[in-house]
């Protein structure tokens, strides 16, 4: 099985290599639905499993709960208009 990074389109044959790449890919951006802040994925997690908005004044947390990939959030926002 191959894994493809949505941000930079690199492909990996090993899932662990892919996951490690995703954590450091500079193109991978998240947006917080609560506060609207945009940030690198690695800024939102310390362990790669739990994600929280890095904005000190925001309580947004969770991938696909409050935090979304920028591309996914843009598509959803356009669909809701």
PDB file of N, CA and C in Angstrom:
ATOM      1  N   UNK A   1       0.848  -1.183   0.000  1.00  0.00           N
ATOM      2  CA  UNK A   1       0.000   0.000   0.000  1.00  0.00           C
ATOM      3  C   UNK A   1       0.893   1.246   0.000  1.00  0.00           C
ATOM      4  N   UNK A   2       0.461   2.266  -0.689  1.00  0.00           N
ATOM      5  CA  UNK A   2       1.211   3.520  -0.696  1.00  0.00           C
ATOM      6  C   UNK A   2       0.388   4.600   0.012  1.00  0.00           C
ATOM      7  N   UNK A   3       1.099   5.543   0.605  1.00  0.00           N
ATOM      8  CA  UNK A   3       0.496   6.656   1.321  1.00  0.00           C
ATOM      9  C   UNK A   3       0.972   7.939   0.661  1.00  0.00           C
ATOM     10  N   UNK A   4       0.057   8.862   0.409  1.00  0.00           N
ATOM     11  CA  UNK A   4       0.396  10.109  -0.257  1.00  0.00           C
ATOM     12  C   UNK A   4       0.066  11.290   0.639  1.00  0.00           C
ATOM     13  N   UNK A   5       1.024  12.169   0.816  1.00  0.00           N
ATOM     14  CA  UNK A   5       0.827  13.389   1.604  1.00  0.00           C
ATOM     15  C   UNK A   5      -0.094  14.325   0.809  1.00  0.00           C
ATOM     16  N   UNK A   6      -1.193  14.752   1.412  1.00  0.00           N
ATOM     17  CA  UNK A   6      -2.143  15.647   0.745  1.00  0.00           C
ATOM     18  C   UNK A   6      -1.552  17.023   0.499  1.00  0.00           C
ATOM     19  N   UNK A   7      -0.618  17.423   1.329  1.00  0.00           N
ATOM     20  CA  UNK A   7      -0.048  18.760   1.233  1.00  0.00           C
ATOM     21  C   UNK A   7       0.998  18.884   0.135  1.00  0.00           C
ATOM     22  N   UNK A   8       1.932  17.922   0.082  1.00  0.00           N
ATOM     23  CA  UNK A   8       3.046  18.068  -0.862  1.00  0.00           C
ATOM     24  C   UNK A   8       3.085  16.965  -1.920  1.00  0.00           C
ATOM     25  N   UNK A   9       2.175  16.005  -1.830  1.00  0.00           N
ATOM     26  CA  UNK A   9       2.021  14.920  -2.812  1.00  0.00           C
ATOM     27  C   UNK A   9       3.151  13.902  -2.813  1.00  0.00           C
ATOM     28  N   UNK A  10       4.041  13.904  -1.815  1.00  0.00           N
ATOM     29  CA  UNK A  10       5.067  12.855  -1.713  1.00  0.00           C
ATOM     30  C   UNK A  10       4.395  11.547  -1.364  1.00  0.00           C
ATOM     31  N   UNK A  11       4.944  10.438  -1.862  1.00  0.00           N
ATOM     32  CA  UNK A  11       4.367   9.129  -1.558  1.00  0.00           C
ATOM     33  C   UNK A  11       5.340   8.310  -0.712  1.00  0.00           C
ATOM     34  N   UNK A  12       4.755   7.431   0.105  1.00  0.00           N
ATOM     35  CA  UNK A  12       5.522   6.584   1.020  1.00  0.00           C
ATOM     36  C   UNK A  12       4.944   5.175   0.978  1.00  0.00           C
ATOM     37  N   UNK A  13       5.814   4.188   1.097  1.00  0.00           N
ATOM     38  CA  UNK A  13       5.356   2.800   1.141  1.00  0.00           C
ATOM     39  C   UNK A  13       5.192   2.329   2.575  1.00  0.00           C
ATOM     40  N   UNK A  14       5.754   3.050   3.519  1.00  0.00           N
ATOM     41  CA  UNK A  14       5.686   2.693   4.926  1.00  0.00           C
ATOM     42  C   UNK A  14       4.791   3.694   5.663  1.00  0.00           C
ATOM     43  N   UNK A  15       3.808   3.202   6.396  1.00  0.00           N
ATOM     44  CA  UNK A  15       2.885   4.082   7.094  1.00  0.00           C
ATOM     45  C   UNK A  15       3.571   4.940   8.142  1.00  0.00           C
ATOM     46  N   UNK A  16       4.536   4.387   8.866  1.00  0.00           N
ATOM     47  CA  UNK A  16       5.245   5.155   9.883  1.00  0.00           C
ATOM     48  C   UNK A  16       6.017   6.316   9.258  1.00  0.00           C
ATOM     49  N   UNK A  17       6.706   6.071   8.150  1.00  0.00           N
ATOM     50  CA  UNK A  17       7.426   7.154   7.465  1.00  0.00           C
ATOM     51  C   UNK A  17       6.452   8.252   7.027  1.00  0.00           C
ATOM     52  N   UNK A  18       5.306   7.822   6.528  1.00  0.00           N
ATOM     53  CA  UNK A  18       4.284   8.783   6.106  1.00  0.00           C
ATOM     54  C   UNK A  18       3.804   9.627   7.287  1.00  0.00           C
ATOM     55  N   UNK A  19       3.492   8.983   8.409  1.00  0.00           N
ATOM     56  CA  UNK A  19       3.018   9.710   9.587  1.00  0.00           C
ATOM     57  C   UNK A  19       4.080  10.681  10.113  1.00  0.00           C
ATOM     58  N   UNK A  20       5.328  10.264  10.125  1.00  0.00           N
ATOM     59  CA  UNK A  20       6.412  11.147  10.562  1.00  0.00           C
ATOM     60  C   UNK A  20       6.543  12.337   9.618  1.00  0.00           C
ATOM     61  N   UNK A  21       6.417  12.082   8.330  1.00  0.00           N
ATOM     62  CA  UNK A  21       6.488  13.166   7.345  1.00  0.00           C
ATOM     63  C   UNK A  21       5.341  14.154   7.563  1.00  0.00           C
ATOM     64  N   UNK A  22       4.135  13.646   7.766  1.00  0.00           N
ATOM     65  CA  UNK A  22       2.979  14.520   7.952  1.00  0.00           C
ATOM     66  C   UNK A  22       3.174  15.476   9.119  1.00  0.00           C
ATOM     67  N   UNK A  23       3.831  15.013  10.170  1.00  0.00           N
ATOM     68  CA  UNK A  23       4.056  15.854  11.344  1.00  0.00           C
ATOM     69  C   UNK A  23       5.040  16.986  11.082  1.00  0.00           C
ATOM     70  N   UNK A  24       5.857  16.857  10.048  1.00  0.00           N
ATOM     71  CA  UNK A  24       6.877  17.868   9.781  1.00  0.00           C
ATOM     72  C   UNK A  24       6.705  18.572   8.442  1.00  0.00           C
ATOM     73  N   UNK A  25       5.734  18.171   7.653  1.00  0.00           N
ATOM     74  CA  UNK A  25       5.533  18.786   6.341  1.00  0.00           C
ATOM     75  C   UNK A  25       5.140  20.247   6.523  1.00  0.00           C
ATOM     76  N   UNK A  26       5.940  21.141   5.990  1.00  0.00           N
ATOM     77  CA  UNK A  26       5.695  22.572   6.199  1.00  0.00           C
ATOM     78  C   UNK A  26       4.450  23.063   5.479  1.00  0.00           C
ATOM     79  N   UNK A  27       3.976  22.313   4.498  1.00  0.00           N
ATOM     80  CA  UNK A  27       2.779  22.725   3.777  1.00  0.00           C
ATOM     81  C   UNK A  27       1.500  22.338   4.502  1.00  0.00           C
ATOM     82  N   UNK A  28       1.607  21.433   5.458  1.00  0.00           N
ATOM     83  CA  UNK A  28       0.427  20.957   6.172  1.00  0.00           C
ATOM     84  C   UNK A  28      -0.011  22.026   7.166  1.00  0.00           C
ATOM     85  N   UNK A  29      -1.168  22.571   6.953  1.00  0.00           N
ATOM     86  CA  UNK A  29      -1.690  23.631   7.803  1.00  0.00           C
ATOM     87  C   UNK A  29      -3.050  23.237   8.353  1.00  0.00           C
ATOM     88  N   UNK A  30      -3.326  23.663   9.562  1.00  0.00           N
ATOM     89  CA  UNK A  30      -4.628  23.468  10.187  1.00  0.00           C
ATOM     90  C   UNK A  30      -5.255  24.825  10.440  1.00  0.00           C
ATOM     91  N   UNK A  31      -6.561  24.838  10.547  1.00  0.00           N
ATOM     92  CA  UNK A  31      -7.293  26.043  10.916  1.00  0.00           C
ATOM     93  C   UNK A  31      -8.250  25.661  12.036  1.00  0.00           C
ATOM     94  N   UNK A  32      -8.353  26.537  13.018  1.00  0.00           N
ATOM     95  CA  UNK A  32      -9.248  26.305  14.141  1.00  0.00           C
ATOM     96  C   UNK A  32     -10.609  26.908  13.817  1.00  0.00           C
ATOM     97  N   UNK A  33     -11.634  26.093  13.903  1.00  0.00           N
ATOM     98  CA  UNK A  33     -13.004  26.527  13.616  1.00  0.00           C
ATOM     99  C   UNK A  33     -13.492  27.536  14.654  1.00  0.00           C
ATOM    100  N   UNK A  34     -13.004  27.449  15.886  1.00  0.00           N
ATOM    101  CA  UNK A  34     -13.468  28.341  16.954  1.00  0.00           C
ATOM    102  C   UNK A  34     -12.906  29.750  16.838  1.00  0.00           C
ATOM    103  N   UNK A  35     -11.583  29.861  16.627  1.00  0.00           N
ATOM    104  CA  UNK A  35     -10.970  31.196  16.623  1.00  0.00           C
ATOM    105  C   UNK A  35     -10.518  31.656  15.233  1.00  0.00           C
ATOM    106  N   UNK A  36     -10.461  30.741  14.265  1.00  0.00           N
ATOM    107  CA  UNK A  36     -10.073  31.097  12.910  1.00  0.00           C
ATOM    108  C   UNK A  36      -8.573  31.147  12.676  1.00  0.00           C
ATOM    109  N   UNK A  37      -7.780  30.861  13.706  1.00  0.00           N
ATOM    110  CA  UNK A  37      -6.325  30.905  13.558  1.00  0.00           C
ATOM    111  C   UNK A  37      -5.842  29.762  12.669  1.00  0.00           C
ATOM    112  N   UNK A  38      -4.830  30.040  11.873  1.00  0.00           N
ATOM    113  CA  UNK A  38      -4.209  29.055  10.989  1.00  0.00           C
ATOM    114  C   UNK A  38      -2.791  28.800  11.490  1.00  0.00           C
ATOM    115  N   UNK A  39      -2.381  27.521  11.502  1.00  0.00           N
ATOM    116  CA  UNK A  39      -1.076  27.176  12.066  1.00  0.00           C
ATOM    117  C   UNK A  39      -0.614  25.841  11.515  1.00  0.00           C
ATOM    118  N   UNK A  40       0.694  25.573  11.679  1.00  0.00           N
ATOM    119  CA  UNK A  40       1.265  24.290  11.255  1.00  0.00           C
ATOM    120  C   UNK A  40       0.750  23.188  12.168  1.00  0.00           C
ATOM    121  N   UNK A  41       0.536  22.021  11.605  1.00  0.00           N
ATOM    122  CA  UNK A  41       0.041  20.881  12.387  1.00  0.00           C
ATOM    123  C   UNK A  41       0.935  20.593  13.585  1.00  0.00           C
ATOM    124  N   UNK A  42       2.238  20.694  13.384  1.00  0.00           N
ATOM    125  CA  UNK A  42       3.174  20.368  14.471  1.00  0.00           C
ATOM    126  C   UNK A  42       3.066  21.343  15.644  1.00  0.00           C
ATOM    127  N   UNK A  43       2.510  22.532  15.422  1.00  0.00           N
ATOM    128  CA  UNK A  43       2.331  23.489  16.512  1.00  0.00           C
ATOM    129  C   UNK A  43       1.156  23.115  17.410  1.00  0.00           C
ATOM    130  N   UNK A  44       0.301  22.206  16.935  1.00  0.00           N
ATOM    131  CA  UNK A  44      -0.904  21.859  17.673  1.00  0.00           C
ATOM    132  C   UNK A  44      -0.785  20.564  18.470  1.00  0.00           C
ATOM    133  N   UNK A  45       0.366  19.883  18.391  1.00  0.00           N
ATOM    134  CA  UNK A  45       0.494  18.612  19.082  1.00  0.00           C
ATOM    135  C   UNK A  45       1.897  18.428  19.645  1.00  0.00           C
ATOM    136  N   UNK A  46       1.966  17.691  20.716  1.00  0.00           N
ATOM    137  CA  UNK A  46       3.269  17.325  21.275  1.00  0.00           C
ATOM    138  C   UNK A  46       3.562  15.850  21.043  1.00  0.00           C
ATOM    139  N   UNK A  47       2.504  15.052  20.936  1.00  0.00           N
ATOM    140  CA  UNK A  47       2.701  13.608  20.817  1.00  0.00           C
ATOM    141  C   UNK A  47       2.200  13.011  19.505  1.00  0.00           C
ATOM    142  N   UNK A  48       1.601  13.803  18.624  1.00  0.00           N
ATOM    143  CA  UNK A  48       1.099  13.308  17.354  1.00  0.00           C
ATOM    144  C   UNK A  48      -0.267  12.644  17.453  1.00  0.00           C
ATOM    145  N   UNK A  49      -0.833  12.580  18.648  1.00  0.00           N
ATOM    146  CA  UNK A  49      -2.145  11.962  18.850  1.00  0.00           C
ATOM    147  C   UNK A  49      -3.191  12.957  19.325  1.00  0.00           C
ATOM    148  N   UNK A  50      -2.799  13.873  20.174  1.00  0.00           N
ATOM    149  CA  UNK A  50      -3.727  14.838  20.755  1.00  0.00           C
ATOM    150  C   UNK A  50      -3.425  16.221  20.169  1.00  0.00           C
ATOM    151  N   UNK A  51      -4.449  16.881  19.679  1.00  0.00           N
ATOM    152  CA  UNK A  51      -4.288  18.177  19.031  1.00  0.00           C
ATOM    153  C   UNK A  51      -5.129  19.227  19.727  1.00  0.00           C
ATOM    154  N   UNK A  52      -4.536  20.392  19.981  1.00  0.00           N
ATOM    155  CA  UNK A  52      -5.232  21.538  20.559  1.00  0.00           C
ATOM    156  C   UNK A  52      -4.783  22.794  19.829  1.00  0.00           C
ATOM    157  N   UNK A  53      -5.648  23.762  19.774  1.00  0.00           N
ATOM    158  CA  UNK A  53      -5.306  25.037  19.147  1.00  0.00           C
ATOM    159  C   UNK A  53      -4.179  25.690  19.948  1.00  0.00           C
ATOM    160  N   UNK A  54      -3.110  26.152  19.289  1.00  0.00           N
ATOM    161  CA  UNK A  54      -1.998  26.774  20.023  1.00  0.00           C
ATOM    162  C   UNK A  54      -2.302  28.194  20.510  1.00  0.00           C
ATOM    163  N   UNK A  55      -3.437  28.743  20.139  1.00  0.00           N
ATOM    164  CA  UNK A  55      -3.840  30.067  20.597  1.00  0.00           C
ATOM    165  C   UNK A  55      -4.218  29.968  22.078  1.00  0.00           C
ATOM    166  N   UNK A  56      -3.529  30.696  22.937  1.00  0.00           N
ATOM    167  CA  UNK A  56      -3.754  30.628  24.388  1.00  0.00           C
ATOM    168  C   UNK A  56      -5.181  30.993  24.791  1.00  0.00           C
ATOM    169  N   UNK A  57      -5.852  31.812  23.994  1.00  0.00           N
ATOM    170  CA  UNK A  57      -7.203  32.264  24.330  1.00  0.00           C
ATOM    171  C   UNK A  57      -8.296  31.363  23.758  1.00  0.00           C
ATOM    172  N   UNK A  58      -7.927  30.233  23.167  1.00  0.00           N
ATOM    173  CA  UNK A  58      -8.894  29.362  22.499  1.00  0.00           C
ATOM    174  C   UNK A  58      -8.878  27.961  23.116  1.00  0.00           C
ATOM    175  N   UNK A  59     -10.031  27.336  23.155  1.00  0.00           N
ATOM    176  CA  UNK A  59     -10.144  25.986  23.691  1.00  0.00           C
ATOM    177  C   UNK A  59     -10.396  24.949  22.599  1.00  0.00           C
ATOM    178  N   UNK A  60     -10.171  25.320  21.326  1.00  0.00           N
ATOM    179  CA  UNK A  60     -10.380  24.391  20.219  1.00  0.00           C
ATOM    180  C   UNK A  60      -9.468  23.183  20.340  1.00  0.00           C
ATOM    181  N   UNK A  61     -10.003  21.990  20.022  1.00  0.00           N
ATOM    182  CA  UNK A  61      -9.224  20.762  20.121  1.00  0.00           C
ATOM    183  C   UNK A  61      -9.806  19.698  19.209  1.00  0.00           C
ATOM    184  N   UNK A  62      -8.941  18.768  18.815  1.00  0.00           N
ATOM    185  CA  UNK A  62      -9.374  17.594  18.070  1.00  0.00           C
ATOM    186  C   UNK A  62      -9.392  17.786  16.569  1.00  0.00           C
ATOM    187  N   UNK A  63      -8.656  16.914  15.877  1.00  0.00           N
ATOM    188  CA  UNK A  63      -8.682  16.921  14.416  1.00  0.00           C
ATOM    189  C   UNK A  63     -10.090  16.535  13.961  1.00  0.00           C
ATOM    190  N   UNK A  64     -10.620  17.264  13.027  1.00  0.00           N
ATOM    191  CA  UNK A  64     -11.963  17.080  12.476  1.00  0.00           C
ATOM    192  C   UNK A  64     -13.074  17.363  13.484  1.00  0.00           C
ATOM    193  N   UNK A  65     -12.730  17.908  14.635  1.00  0.00           N
ATOM    194  CA  UNK A  65     -13.739  18.385  15.581  1.00  0.00           C
ATOM    195  C   UNK A  65     -13.730  19.915  15.505  1.00  0.00           C
ATOM    196  N   UNK A  66     -12.705  20.549  16.116  1.00  0.00           N
ATOM    197  CA  UNK A  66     -12.531  21.999  16.014  1.00  0.00           C
ATOM    198  C   UNK A  66     -11.414  22.355  15.040  1.00  0.00           C
ATOM    199  N   UNK A  67     -10.458  21.457  14.860  1.00  0.00           N
ATOM    200  CA  UNK A  67      -9.303  21.714  14.001  1.00  0.00           C
ATOM    201  C   UNK A  67      -9.455  20.942  12.694  1.00  0.00           C
ATOM    202  N   UNK A  68      -9.233  21.653  11.588  1.00  0.00           N
ATOM    203  CA  UNK A  68      -9.419  21.057  10.263  1.00  0.00           C
ATOM    204  C   UNK A  68      -8.240  21.401   9.361  1.00  0.00           C
ATOM    205  N   UNK A  69      -7.949  20.514   8.415  1.00  0.00           N
ATOM    206  CA  UNK A  69      -6.940  20.824   7.403  1.00  0.00           C
ATOM    207  C   UNK A  69      -7.444  22.026   6.610  1.00  0.00           C
ATOM    208  N   UNK A  70      -6.566  22.948   6.261  1.00  0.00           N
ATOM    209  CA  UNK A  70      -6.963  24.173   5.577  1.00  0.00           C
ATOM    210  C   UNK A  70      -7.757  23.860   4.317  1.00  0.00           C
ATOM    211  N   UNK A  71      -7.305  22.903   3.517  1.00  0.00           N
ATOM    212  CA  UNK A  71      -8.011  22.550   2.289  1.00  0.00           C
ATOM    213  C   UNK A  71      -9.408  22.031   2.560  1.00  0.00           C
ATOM    214  N   UNK A  72      -9.560  21.189   3.567  1.00  0.00           N
ATOM    215  CA  UNK A  72     -10.868  20.644   3.925  1.00  0.00           C
ATOM    216  C   UNK A  72     -11.785  21.743   4.454  1.00  0.00           C
ATOM    217  N   UNK A  73     -11.244  22.648   5.256  1.00  0.00           N
ATOM    218  CA  UNK A  73     -12.030  23.726   5.857  1.00  0.00           C
ATOM    219  C   UNK A  73     -12.507  24.690   4.776  1.00  0.00           C
ATOM    220  N   UNK A  74     -11.642  24.991   3.794  1.00  0.00           N
ATOM    221  CA  UNK A  74     -11.998  25.906   2.710  1.00  0.00           C
ATOM    222  C   UNK A  74     -13.126  25.329   1.872  1.00  0.00           C
ATOM    223  N   UNK A  75     -13.061  24.034   1.590  1.00  0.00           N
ATOM    224  CA  UNK A  75     -14.102  23.373   0.796  1.00  0.00           C
ATOM    225  C   UNK A  75     -15.423  23.377   1.561  1.00  0.00           C
ATOM    226  N   UNK A  76     -15.387  23.060   2.851  1.00  0.00           N
ATOM    227  CA  UNK A  76     -16.592  23.032   3.670  1.00  0.00           C
ATOM    228  C   UNK A  76     -17.199  24.435   3.793  1.00  0.00           C
ATOM    229  N   UNK A  77     -16.366  25.433   3.977  1.00  0.00           N
ATOM    230  CA  UNK A  77     -16.859  26.806   4.111  1.00  0.00           C
ATOM    231  C   UNK A  77     -17.527  27.255   2.823  1.00  0.00           C
ATOM    232  N   UNK A  78     -16.973  26.874   1.666  1.00  0.00           N
ATOM    233  CA  UNK A  78     -17.567  27.240   0.381  1.00  0.00           C
ATOM    234  C   UNK A  78     -18.898  26.543   0.182  1.00  0.00           C
ATOM    235  N   UNK A  79     -19.009  25.301   0.627  1.00  0.00           N
ATOM    236  CA  UNK A  79     -20.239  24.532   0.471  1.00  0.00           C
ATOM    237  C   UNK A  79     -21.371  25.097   1.325  1.00  0.00           C
ATOM    238  N   UNK A  80     -21.021  25.718   2.441  1.00  0.00           N
ATOM    239  CA  UNK A  80     -22.032  26.257   3.353  1.00  0.00           C
ATOM    240  C   UNK A  80     -22.556  27.627   2.919  1.00  0.00           C
ATOM    241  N   UNK A  81     -21.984  28.197   1.913  1.00  0.00           N
ATOM    242  CA  UNK A  81     -22.418  29.544   1.467  1.00  0.00           C
ATOM    243  C   UNK A  81     -23.603  29.470   0.563  1.00  0.00           C
TER     244      UNK A  81
END
